[in-house]
Structures are given as C-alpha cells and as structure tokens.
Protein backbone atom coordinates (compact mmCIF):
# COMPACT_ATOMS: atom_id res chain seq x y z
CA MET A 1 0.29 -0.06 0.12
CA GLU A 2 1.31 3.40 -1.25
CA LEU A 3 1.59 5.93 1.86
CA ASP A 4 -0.13 9.43 1.19
CA PRO A 5 2.00 12.37 2.53
CA LEU A 6 -0.84 14.37 2.18
CA LEU A 7 -3.30 12.23 4.24
CA LEU A 8 -0.13 11.40 6.59
CA SER A 9 0.73 15.19 6.95
CA ARG A 10 -2.92 16.23 7.69
CA LEU A 11 -3.07 13.49 10.66
CA GLN A 12 -0.12 14.30 12.08
CA PHE A 13 -1.36 18.25 12.28
CA ALA A 14 -4.74 17.36 13.55
CA PHE A 15 -3.00 15.23 16.16
CA VAL A 16 -0.59 17.79 17.52
CA VAL A 17 -3.06 20.80 17.20
CA SER A 18 -5.54 18.60 19.38
CA PHE A 19 -3.04 17.67 21.64
CA HIS A 20 -1.95 21.13 22.10
CA ALA A 21 -5.32 22.94 22.22
CA ILE A 22 -6.39 21.35 25.12
CA PHE A 23 -3.96 23.17 27.45
CA PRO A 24 -4.18 26.65 26.42
CA VAL A 25 -8.24 26.57 26.36
CA PHE A 26 -7.79 25.31 30.30
CA THR A 27 -5.05 27.57 31.27
CA ILE A 28 -6.88 30.97 29.62
CA GLY A 29 -9.91 30.45 31.95
CA LEU A 30 -7.67 29.30 34.93
CA ALA A 31 -5.29 32.18 34.69
CA SER A 32 -8.24 34.39 35.18
CA TYR A 33 -9.68 32.50 37.95
CA ILE A 34 -6.40 32.55 39.77
CA ALA A 35 -6.08 36.52 39.30
CA LEU A 36 -9.69 36.74 40.98
CA LEU A 37 -8.72 34.62 43.56
CA HIS A 38 -5.46 36.75 44.53
CA GLY A 39 -7.78 39.69 44.17
CA LEU A 40 -10.62 38.85 46.71
CA PHE A 41 -7.36 37.89 49.43
CA TYR A 42 -6.04 41.10 48.79
CA ARG A 43 -9.20 42.63 49.52
CA THR A 44 -10.58 40.45 52.24
CA GLU A 45 -7.26 39.05 53.64
CA ASN A 46 -9.25 35.75 54.07
CA PRO A 47 -6.71 32.92 53.97
CA VAL A 48 -9.38 30.79 52.26
CA TRP A 49 -8.66 32.78 48.80
CA ASP A 50 -4.99 32.54 49.37
CA ARG A 51 -4.80 28.81 49.80
CA LEU A 52 -6.99 28.06 46.72
CA ALA A 53 -5.05 30.56 44.66
CA LEU A 54 -1.77 28.91 45.74
CA PHE A 55 -3.39 25.25 44.61
CA TRP A 56 -4.72 26.10 41.40
CA THR A 57 -1.40 28.23 40.64
CA LYS A 58 0.50 24.57 41.15
CA VAL A 59 -2.04 22.80 38.69
CA PHE A 60 -1.77 25.90 36.26
CA ALA A 61 2.28 25.73 36.53
CA VAL A 62 1.74 22.10 35.12
CA VAL A 63 -0.54 22.73 32.61
CA PHE A 64 1.18 25.78 31.13
CA GLY A 65 4.43 23.71 31.16
CA MET A 66 2.52 20.95 28.91
CA GLY A 67 1.23 23.43 26.31
CA VAL A 68 4.51 25.45 25.88
CA VAL A 69 6.33 21.83 25.32
CA SER A 70 3.73 20.67 22.82
CA GLY A 71 3.49 24.23 21.36
CA ILE A 72 6.76 24.87 20.26
CA VAL A 73 7.27 21.74 18.44
CA MET A 74 4.04 22.13 16.62
CA SER A 75 5.54 25.18 14.62
CA PHE A 76 8.14 22.93 13.26
CA GLN A 77 5.62 21.19 10.89
CA PHE A 78 5.34 24.46 8.97
CA GLY A 79 8.80 23.86 7.55
CA THR A 80 8.65 20.03 7.13
CA ASN A 81 5.27 19.13 5.92
CA TRP A 82 4.08 22.47 4.56
CA SER A 83 6.80 24.16 3.49
CA ASN A 84 4.78 25.69 -0.08
CA PHE A 85 2.08 26.90 2.70
CA SER A 86 5.08 28.41 5.08
CA TYR A 87 6.43 30.06 1.78
CA ALA A 88 3.08 31.44 0.38
CA SER A 89 1.86 32.82 3.76
CA ALA A 90 5.29 33.92 5.40
CA ASN A 91 4.34 37.46 4.37
CA PHE A 92 1.44 37.63 6.96
CA LEU A 93 1.44 34.70 9.27
CA GLY A 94 5.33 35.23 9.93
CA PRO A 95 4.74 38.56 11.76
CA MET A 96 1.59 37.25 13.18
CA LEU A 97 3.39 34.44 15.60
CA SER A 98 6.21 36.74 16.04
CA TYR A 99 3.96 39.43 17.53
CA GLU A 100 2.48 36.61 19.48
CA VAL A 101 5.98 35.62 21.37
CA VAL A 102 6.85 39.33 21.66
CA THR A 103 3.94 40.43 23.05
CA ALA A 104 2.27 37.21 25.08
CA PHE A 105 4.90 34.83 25.37
CA PHE A 106 7.46 37.41 26.93
CA LEU A 107 4.75 38.79 29.25
CA GLU A 108 3.79 35.36 30.77
CA ALA A 109 7.25 34.25 31.13
CA ALA A 110 8.10 37.48 32.97
CA PHE A 111 5.15 37.47 35.47
CA LEU A 112 4.65 33.79 35.48
CA GLY A 113 8.11 33.59 37.47
CA VAL A 114 6.83 36.30 40.04
CA LEU A 115 3.52 34.56 40.36
CA LEU A 116 5.14 31.10 41.12
CA PHE A 117 8.17 32.12 43.39
CA GLY A 118 7.34 35.68 44.28
CA ARG A 119 4.54 34.76 47.24
CA GLY A 120 6.02 36.09 50.40
CA LYS A 121 8.92 37.84 48.63
CA VAL A 122 7.31 40.70 47.04
CA PRO A 123 4.30 42.54 48.12
CA GLN A 124 1.26 41.18 47.87
CA GLY A 125 -0.12 44.06 45.74
CA VAL A 126 2.61 43.11 43.31
CA HIS A 127 2.18 39.48 43.32
CA LEU A 128 -1.42 40.43 42.40
CA PHE A 129 -0.47 42.61 39.33
CA ALA A 130 1.72 39.69 38.14
CA ALA A 131 -1.63 36.94 38.20
CA CYS A 132 -3.36 39.89 36.24
CA MET A 133 -0.37 40.10 33.84
CA VAL A 134 -0.02 36.33 33.52
CA ALA A 135 -3.94 36.41 32.61
CA PHE A 136 -3.79 39.48 30.31
CA GLY A 137 -1.03 37.30 28.64
CA THR A 138 -2.92 34.34 27.53
CA PHE A 139 -5.70 36.34 26.30
CA ILE A 140 -3.06 38.44 24.10
CA SER A 141 -1.58 35.14 23.06
CA SER A 142 -5.04 33.62 21.91
CA PHE A 143 -6.14 37.03 20.15
CA TRP A 144 -2.94 36.54 17.71
CA ILE A 145 -3.41 32.80 17.14
CA LEU A 146 -7.09 33.08 16.52
CA SER A 147 -6.79 35.90 14.44
CA ALA A 148 -4.34 34.04 11.98
CA ASN A 149 -6.49 30.86 12.19
CA SER A 150 -9.42 32.83 11.09
CA TRP A 151 -7.83 34.56 8.60
CA MET A 152 -7.16 31.22 6.76
CA GLN A 153 -10.90 30.54 7.31
CA THR A 154 -11.78 33.81 5.64
CA PRO A 155 -8.71 35.34 4.14
CA ALA A 156 -8.95 39.12 3.99
CA GLY A 157 -6.73 42.09 3.00
CA VAL A 158 -4.43 40.02 0.83
CA GLU A 159 -3.71 39.15 -2.52
CA LEU A 160 -1.95 35.76 -3.85
CA ILE A 161 0.76 36.97 -6.25
CA ASP A 162 3.13 34.23 -7.60
CA GLY A 163 2.17 31.98 -5.19
CA SER A 164 2.75 34.02 -2.46
CA PHE A 165 0.13 36.08 -0.28
CA ARG A 166 1.11 39.95 -0.45
CA VAL A 167 -0.64 42.05 2.62
CA LEU A 168 -2.56 44.74 1.24
CA SER A 169 -4.50 45.86 4.36
CA TRP A 170 -2.97 44.61 7.71
CA SER A 171 -6.33 45.80 9.73
CA GLU A 172 -8.32 44.00 7.37
CA ALA A 173 -6.20 40.75 7.59
CA ILE A 174 -5.95 40.75 11.53
CA PHE A 175 -9.57 41.63 12.00
CA ASN A 176 -10.99 39.31 9.16
CA PRO A 177 -14.45 38.48 8.80
CA SER A 178 -14.79 35.78 11.14
CA PHE A 179 -12.31 37.03 13.41
CA GLY A 180 -14.35 38.58 16.27
CA TRP A 181 -17.09 35.78 16.66
CA ARG A 182 -14.55 33.03 16.51
CA PHE A 183 -12.30 34.78 19.51
CA ALA A 184 -15.32 35.65 21.53
CA HIS A 185 -16.68 31.49 21.22
CA MET A 186 -12.95 30.19 21.96
CA VAL A 187 -12.41 32.59 25.14
CA MET A 188 -16.07 31.63 26.33
CA ALA A 189 -14.89 27.64 26.00
CA SER A 190 -11.94 28.62 27.86
CA PHE A 191 -13.73 30.07 30.69
CA LEU A 192 -16.32 27.33 30.50
CA THR A 193 -13.71 24.60 30.63
CA GLY A 194 -11.67 26.26 33.69
CA ALA A 195 -15.13 26.35 35.52
CA PHE A 196 -15.98 22.88 34.88
CA VAL A 197 -12.55 21.61 35.96
CA VAL A 198 -12.68 23.81 39.16
CA ALA A 199 -15.94 22.61 39.80
CA GLY A 200 -15.19 18.92 39.06
CA VAL A 201 -12.04 18.82 41.45
CA SER A 202 -14.08 20.91 44.20
CA ALA A 203 -17.25 18.30 44.00
CA TRP A 204 -14.41 15.39 44.40
CA TYR A 205 -12.92 17.04 47.70
CA LEU A 206 -16.32 17.44 49.03
CA LEU A 207 -17.15 14.04 48.41
CA ILE A 208 -14.38 12.91 50.47
CA ARG A 209 -15.04 15.80 52.81
CA ARG A 210 -11.80 17.25 52.65
CA ASP A 211 -11.07 21.28 53.08
CA VAL A 212 -14.92 21.75 52.80
CA GLU A 213 -15.22 25.46 53.39
CA ALA A 214 -12.62 26.05 50.72
CA ASN A 215 -14.39 24.01 48.08
CA ARG A 216 -17.56 25.18 48.77
CA ARG A 217 -16.78 28.71 48.11
CA ALA A 218 -15.02 27.36 44.59
CA LEU A 219 -17.84 25.40 43.71
CA SER A 220 -20.27 28.10 44.44
CA MET A 221 -18.39 30.37 42.19
CA CYS A 222 -18.11 28.24 39.77
CA LEU A 223 -21.62 27.20 39.27
CA TRP A 224 -22.73 31.03 39.34
CA LEU A 225 -20.38 31.25 36.43
CA LEU A 226 -21.77 28.60 34.58
CA LEU A 227 -25.05 29.32 35.12
CA VAL A 228 -23.99 32.50 33.13
CA LEU A 229 -21.67 31.28 30.72
CA THR A 230 -23.21 28.38 29.50
CA PRO A 231 -26.60 30.08 27.77
CA THR A 232 -24.38 32.85 26.41
CA GLN A 233 -21.97 30.64 24.96
CA ALA A 234 -25.07 28.97 23.24
CA VAL A 235 -25.79 32.45 21.69
CA VAL A 236 -22.52 33.33 20.67
CA GLY A 237 -22.08 30.08 18.75
CA ASP A 238 -25.41 30.93 16.97
CA PHE A 239 -23.83 34.44 15.57
CA HIS A 240 -20.59 32.49 14.93
CA GLY A 241 -22.64 30.00 12.98
CA LEU A 242 -24.54 32.79 11.00
CA ASN A 243 -21.18 34.35 10.21
CA THR A 244 -20.07 30.90 8.95
CA LEU A 245 -23.10 30.86 6.82
CA GLU A 246 -22.26 33.92 5.19
CA HIS A 247 -18.57 33.46 4.35
CA GLN A 248 -18.33 29.32 4.31
CA PRO A 249 -21.73 28.28 3.40
CA THR A 250 -20.10 24.89 2.48
CA LYS A 251 -19.03 24.01 5.94
CA VAL A 252 -22.49 25.04 7.14
CA ALA A 253 -23.91 22.48 4.86
CA ALA A 254 -21.93 20.07 5.97
CA MET A 255 -22.57 20.81 9.79
CA GLU A 256 -26.34 20.33 8.81
CA GLY A 257 -26.04 17.66 6.49
CA ASN A 258 -27.89 19.53 3.88
CA TRP A 259 -27.08 18.14 0.16
CA GLU A 260 -29.50 20.46 -1.87
CA THR A 261 -30.07 24.01 -1.86
CA ARG A 262 -33.67 24.31 -0.51
CA GLY A 263 -35.86 25.73 1.85
CA ASN A 264 -37.91 24.25 4.95
CA VAL A 265 -34.38 22.44 5.60
CA PRO A 266 -35.09 20.32 8.85
CA LEU A 267 -32.66 19.98 11.72
CA LEU A 268 -31.22 16.68 11.81
CA LEU A 269 -30.76 14.70 14.95
CA PHE A 270 -29.60 11.61 13.37
CA ALA A 271 -28.14 10.63 9.97
CA ILE A 272 -25.60 8.92 8.06
CA PRO A 273 -24.31 11.07 5.34
CA ASP A 274 -23.55 8.87 2.12
CA GLN A 275 -20.83 11.44 0.55
CA GLU A 276 -20.50 9.25 -2.55
CA ALA A 277 -24.52 9.33 -3.32
CA GLN A 278 -24.52 13.08 -1.96
CA THR A 279 -27.47 11.90 0.40
CA ASN A 280 -28.34 10.92 4.24
CA ARG A 281 -29.57 7.52 5.41
CA PHE A 282 -31.57 6.89 8.02
CA GLU A 283 -32.48 10.73 8.63
CA ILE A 284 -34.29 11.87 11.71
CA GLY A 285 -34.86 15.38 12.29
CA ILE A 286 -37.37 18.09 13.43
CA PRO A 287 -39.26 19.79 10.09
CA SER A 288 -37.68 23.49 8.97
CA LEU A 289 -35.96 24.31 12.24
CA ALA A 290 -32.62 24.17 10.51
CA SER A 291 -34.10 27.03 8.01
CA VAL A 292 -35.37 28.85 11.14
CA ILE A 293 -32.05 28.90 12.93
CA LEU A 294 -30.05 29.86 10.30
CA LYS A 295 -32.14 32.11 8.38
CA HIS A 296 -35.06 32.84 11.16
CA ASP A 297 -37.83 31.64 8.84
CA PRO A 298 -39.12 28.45 8.12
CA ALA A 299 -39.36 28.62 4.32
CA GLY A 300 -35.79 30.07 4.54
CA VAL A 301 -33.22 28.58 1.52
CA VAL A 302 -30.07 26.97 3.01
CA PRO A 303 -27.13 26.39 0.73
CA GLY A 304 -26.59 22.76 -0.24
CA ILE A 305 -23.36 20.77 -0.20
CA SER A 306 -23.47 20.04 -4.00
CA GLU A 307 -23.60 23.62 -4.93
CA VAL A 308 -19.47 23.05 -4.99
CA PRO A 309 -17.81 20.12 -6.71
CA PRO A 310 -17.11 16.75 -4.97
CA GLU A 311 -13.07 17.64 -5.05
CA GLU A 312 -14.17 21.03 -3.06
CA GLN A 313 -16.22 19.01 -0.70
CA PRO A 314 -15.17 18.40 2.81
CA PRO A 315 -15.62 14.98 4.57
CA VAL A 316 -18.97 15.48 5.32
CA TRP A 317 -19.64 12.76 7.88
CA ILE A 318 -16.74 14.28 10.11
CA VAL A 319 -18.21 17.78 10.12
CA PHE A 320 -21.71 16.61 10.77
CA TRP A 321 -21.31 14.50 13.67
CA ALA A 322 -18.58 16.45 15.24
CA PHE A 323 -21.02 19.64 15.23
CA ARG A 324 -23.47 17.29 16.95
CA VAL A 325 -21.20 16.23 19.21
CA MET A 326 -20.07 19.90 20.30
CA VAL A 327 -23.87 20.94 20.57
CA GLY A 328 -25.24 18.00 22.42
CA LEU A 329 -22.49 18.42 25.36
CA GLY A 330 -23.16 22.27 24.97
CA PHE A 331 -26.79 21.42 26.22
CA VAL A 332 -25.80 18.91 28.75
CA MET A 333 -23.64 21.82 30.02
CA ILE A 334 -26.64 24.05 30.21
CA GLY A 335 -28.83 21.25 31.89
CA VAL A 336 -25.98 20.95 34.69
CA ALA A 337 -25.97 24.55 35.51
CA LEU A 338 -29.47 24.76 36.05
CA ALA A 339 -29.45 21.68 38.15
CA GLY A 340 -26.99 23.47 40.29
CA LEU A 341 -29.29 26.40 40.80
CA TRP A 342 -32.21 23.94 41.51
CA LEU A 343 -30.11 22.31 44.25
CA ARG A 344 -28.83 25.49 45.74
CA ARG A 345 -32.36 26.97 46.20
CA GLY A 346 -33.17 23.73 47.93
CA GLY A 347 -29.90 23.90 49.94
CA ARG A 348 -28.80 20.67 49.01
CA LEU A 349 -25.98 21.91 46.64
CA TYR A 350 -23.04 20.62 48.78
CA GLU A 351 -24.65 17.27 50.00
CA HIS A 352 -26.42 15.83 46.91
CA ARG A 353 -23.60 13.02 46.01
CA GLY A 354 -24.99 12.34 42.86
CA PHE A 355 -24.83 15.79 41.54
CA LEU A 356 -21.35 16.34 43.03
CA GLN A 357 -20.64 12.92 41.09
CA THR A 358 -22.21 14.64 37.91
CA LEU A 359 -19.72 17.45 38.29
CA ARG A 360 -16.52 15.33 38.63
CA LEU A 361 -17.47 13.49 35.20
CA MET A 362 -18.13 16.93 33.81
CA SER A 363 -14.47 18.35 34.11
CA VAL A 364 -13.95 16.21 30.92
CA THR A 365 -16.68 17.53 28.89
CA PRO A 366 -15.48 21.07 28.06
CA PHE A 367 -12.38 19.46 26.24
CA ILE A 368 -14.44 16.89 24.23
CA ALA A 369 -16.32 19.80 23.11
CA VAL A 370 -13.70 22.00 22.46
CA LEU A 371 -11.80 19.16 20.37
CA ALA A 372 -15.51 18.52 18.27
CA GLY A 373 -15.66 22.19 17.66
CA TRP A 374 -12.07 22.47 16.70
CA ILE A 375 -12.52 19.39 13.94
CA VAL A 376 -15.63 21.17 13.03
CA THR A 377 -13.73 24.42 12.21
CA GLU A 378 -10.67 22.44 10.38
CA VAL A 379 -12.32 19.76 8.50
CA GLY A 380 -14.90 21.95 7.34
CA ARG A 381 -12.35 23.91 5.61
CA ALA A 382 -11.39 21.42 3.61
CA PRO A 383 -9.99 20.83 1.05
CA TRP A 384 -8.66 24.39 1.60
CA LEU A 385 -5.34 25.82 3.74
CA VAL A 386 -6.28 29.21 3.04
CA TYR A 387 -10.19 29.10 2.24
CA GLY A 388 -11.01 29.53 -1.49
CA MET A 389 -7.26 30.48 -2.18
CA LEU A 390 -4.66 27.60 -1.53
CA SER A 391 -5.57 24.23 -0.94
CA HIS A 392 -3.77 21.32 1.40
CA ALA A 393 -2.27 19.75 -1.86
CA GLU A 394 -0.68 23.11 -2.95
CA GLY A 395 0.59 23.81 0.33
CA LEU A 396 2.43 20.28 1.13
CA THR A 397 6.36 19.94 0.96
CA PRO A 398 6.90 18.66 -2.64
CA SER A 399 9.78 16.69 -1.52
CA LEU A 400 7.80 15.08 1.25
CA THR A 401 7.41 11.13 1.11
CA GLY A 402 4.69 9.10 2.58
CA GLY A 403 7.49 7.19 4.30
CA MET A 404 8.82 10.40 5.96
CA ALA A 405 5.69 11.65 7.10
CA LEU A 406 4.52 8.33 8.56
CA PHE A 407 8.30 8.49 10.77
CA THR A 408 7.42 11.92 11.98
CA LEU A 409 3.69 11.10 12.71
CA VAL A 410 5.12 8.13 15.06
CA GLY A 411 7.68 10.36 16.39
CA TYR A 412 5.10 13.13 17.41
CA VAL A 413 2.85 10.55 18.84
CA ALA A 414 5.63 8.94 20.98
CA VAL A 415 7.00 11.96 22.44
CA TYR A 416 3.41 13.33 23.14
CA ALA A 417 2.63 10.30 24.92
CA VAL A 418 5.29 10.76 27.33
CA VAL A 419 4.52 14.10 28.11
CA PHE A 420 0.84 13.46 28.57
CA TRP A 421 1.71 10.56 30.87
CA ALA A 422 4.37 13.05 33.12
CA GLY A 423 1.73 15.88 33.06
CA VAL A 424 -1.29 13.68 34.56
CA TYR A 425 1.14 12.09 36.85
CA TYR A 426 2.35 15.47 38.62
CA LEU A 427 -1.61 17.02 38.09
CA THR A 428 -2.42 13.62 39.81
CA ARG A 429 0.21 14.16 42.60
CA VAL A 430 -0.91 18.00 43.11
CA VAL A 431 -4.85 17.35 43.16
CA ARG A 432 -4.42 14.50 45.60
CA GLN A 433 -1.84 16.67 48.17
CA GLY A 434 -5.02 19.12 47.97
CA MET A 435 -4.72 22.49 49.52
CA LEU A 436 -3.93 21.65 53.37
CA PRO A 437 -0.72 23.04 54.38
CA GLU A 438 2.26 20.32 54.71
CA ASP A 439 2.30 20.52 58.56
CA GLU A 440 -1.37 20.25 58.85
CA ARG A 441 -1.65 17.13 56.46
CA ASP A 442 1.28 15.35 58.13
CA SER A 443 -0.63 15.66 61.27
CA VAL A 444 -3.96 14.34 59.81
CA GLU A 445 -2.29 11.39 58.21
CA GLY A 446 -0.21 10.64 61.32
CA GLU A 447 3.50 10.96 59.62
CA VAL A 448 6.48 12.71 61.01
CA HIS A 449 7.98 15.43 58.36
CA ARG A 450 10.94 14.20 57.63
CA PRO A 451 13.16 16.71 55.19
CA LYS A 452 14.79 15.38 52.06
CA ARG A 453 16.55 18.80 51.20
CA PRO A 454 18.48 21.28 53.50
CA LEU A 455 15.98 23.42 55.34
CA SER A 456 12.73 21.55 53.70
CA ALA A 457 11.39 21.13 56.99
CA ALA A 458 11.61 24.85 57.65
CA HIS A 459 8.45 27.22 57.62
CA THR A 460 8.52 29.04 54.45
CA PRO A 461 6.18 31.73 53.32
CA PHE A 462 5.64 29.97 49.83
CA GLU A 463 3.80 26.94 51.39
CA HIS A 464 2.46 28.36 54.51
CA ASP A 465 2.56 32.54 55.20
CA ALA A 466 -1.07 33.94 54.78
CA SER A 467 -0.43 36.61 57.32
CA PRO A 468 -1.57 39.85 56.82
CA THR A 469 1.93 41.45 57.10
CA TRP A 470 2.46 40.16 53.85
CA ARG A 471 -0.06 42.86 52.34
CA ARG A 472 2.81 45.05 52.53
C-alpha cells in the first residue's frame, strides 16, 4: 500500500494541534480564575482565597508547561510538512506568530516567575499584579493565534501573487470577517473549561469531606459562572454559525447534512451522510428547524453541499457528527448549570452526592466539546488551507514522501505520549496533595515530617504564610 504524504501530514497536524489545544483552552480560563482569587485575598485577607489561589497556581504551572512543550514543536511542521504553505503565507503568518511571542509569551514568562516564586517575597499587590498580567498574556496569545487561524478561514486584506500572499491591509487581515465571533466563542469555551474543571475537583474534595469551606466557595463561584456562561455561549455560537453561513456556506451545509439548496430544511438529530451518493441515510429530524435557526424563517433557503464540486467538499460525516457532539455537550452543560441552581435553592447543593459525582464527570466534557468544535472548524474548511485560495495539496512540501510523513507522525505520537503521561502524573500528585498546608496534612495523616533536602522542613512563606503582614 502506497503511503499518502498529504493524508499523513494532515493526520499529524490534526493530532498535534488537538493535543496542544486542550492546554491553552484550560489555562486561559484558569489564569483569570487565579487572578480573581488573588484579588479577593488582597481585598478581604481571608486565607481561604489564598489557599485556593496557591493550589490552582500549582495546577496552572503544570498545565502551562505542557502547553509550552507541545506548542513549540508544533510549529516545526510548517517547515517539514507544509513548506509551500509556509512560503506562501510568510508575509502574514510570520509577523503574526512573532507578535504572539513578543507581546504574549514574553509577558507570561516574566510575570509567571513572579507568580510562582514571588509569594511572600514581593508585596502582595505586586503578586496580584503578576497574576493579572499572566491572565492578560493568555488573552493576548489567543488574540494573535485566533486571528491567524481566522484569516485562514476567511482570508482578507491580501492578494495571491506568484504563489505568495501580499498584505494589502493589515487591519483587514488581522480583523478578518470571522475573527470577532471566533475569538469570543473560544474565550467563552476557555472560561467554561476552567469553571468545569475547578467545579469537578471541588466536588471530589467535597465528596471525601476534605477542606470543605474552601471547596464550597470554589464550587459556588463556578456554578454561578456556569449559570451565566453556558447559555451565553449558545448565543455566541449561534452568531458565529451565522457568520460562517455568510462566509463558508459549504461548511455550514456539511454541519447540517444539507445536500441540496432548498428551503424548509430540517434540523437533523440523526443521519448517516453518504458522500458518494450525495445524500443521507436514516434521517431523523425536526422539520424546518434548521431554516429557522439559520435564516430565522421556516421557508428560508439554506445552501447545499452539492453547490460545490465533490473535490471541493469536506468529509461530511466528520463535520456532521463532530458538530452534534459539540452542541449536544453544550446542552448538557446548560442542564448541569440549571440543576446546580435548583439544588442551591433547595439547600442541597453541597450534599447531593449524585450531583457532585456528575460534576466530577463533567470536568472532562469541555475538552471533548472544544476538540469537536475544532474538528468542525478545520475539517469543514477542507480541501482548503487558506479558504478558496490555497488548497492542502498546494501547500504540501513537494519533496515529502509517505515514509517520511509516517516517521514524523509516529515520532510526535511517541513524544507527546510521554509528555501527557508526565503531566497527568504530576497533576494527579498535586490534586491528591490538596490545599492543606504540609504541617496540617502531616498531622492528619499521622506522619512525621522528614526533610529530604536542607531546610525543607523550615517554615517558608510560599507554603504557609497567609499573614496580613505580607500585604505590604
């Protein structure tokens, strides 16, 4: 069997991007949560907020490190597998990636050191400022990366001359037609991911009756946030979908499984798309609802997939089902948020074991939803790298063979497996240690504290000091 370098390169990039994406989507939301905790401690001097901030900063450090390691090597593929694309897009994507490093990565790197190691060594206000700058840096990073990706989805402000994109308007290219809604949708997803993970971990601590006061506060904050964010994300997603309908109608047609341009399009709950026959098998749908959602009119005409030739159509079944996974999990998240409100009103929020167990399971669902949404975005663009202007085949490295692509794919999988195992191992250790200071935990577990390095048994501000005197 002949190995297809194009297929293998696409699989490799999909794997690497998907692996990397789960880390920043968590750290963006978590960084803002940590900054909020530091702000609450600065204002109230309540040590509960300080202990929560310290615990989640440790989690953030591990996840941030995994994101950096997986993200740095990700860019290597542009040169090894997609050299034609790199040459063609260098005038725009080169500066965009450089802006991300100069404005975001440097900011995060500088203030992350203060956040991690400055506790008790710098004034509390400076420590709070460092937390805010780290959070701000995550937003700047997502701004540049999502602008670059949105440009590939809806290119603007450029023209293709002799195989190279020439920038005609930087403002139009950066703030391209799909960027605003994509940025809002992704930031909301990051906050949802952070909130569900914090809620899930807090629920587990409440189930085992550990550090109850702190975790009740953390859980309460997250559920109030989810009550607002989950329906808001649905609204933002709807506007993002309308924007996609305007600029990438074939992608929306694949999401809806709509083959022919027509009105009264049903919202399909289940179907098996048959791309060869250009039709669906075993359809189950709600009549005219897709037209209502997309056109706000039951008779609204929705473009069909067959409007473009088969060679320009995305793999419909992947886009169709990934979209339903994302939307379905979104509705589950809304239901969980409403259930939390109902239990809160009944005074059973922190004692209902079934709900707490549900929150534990829900901590994984935002990552699945984000990956499903990312699949819809990227696979739905196929066969284009830069939509309507440069195809995957045109962007591939000409000298790349199937064997070379397979070798690098296997290498990425092996290395990332080690990174993932190491990250999960350390995250598990951090979560199991919990928020109790070392001396309190040792007394609870009946162990004698034995230093493993010089002065490790000494009282250190980083681990214990929550004194108000630290404030100045």
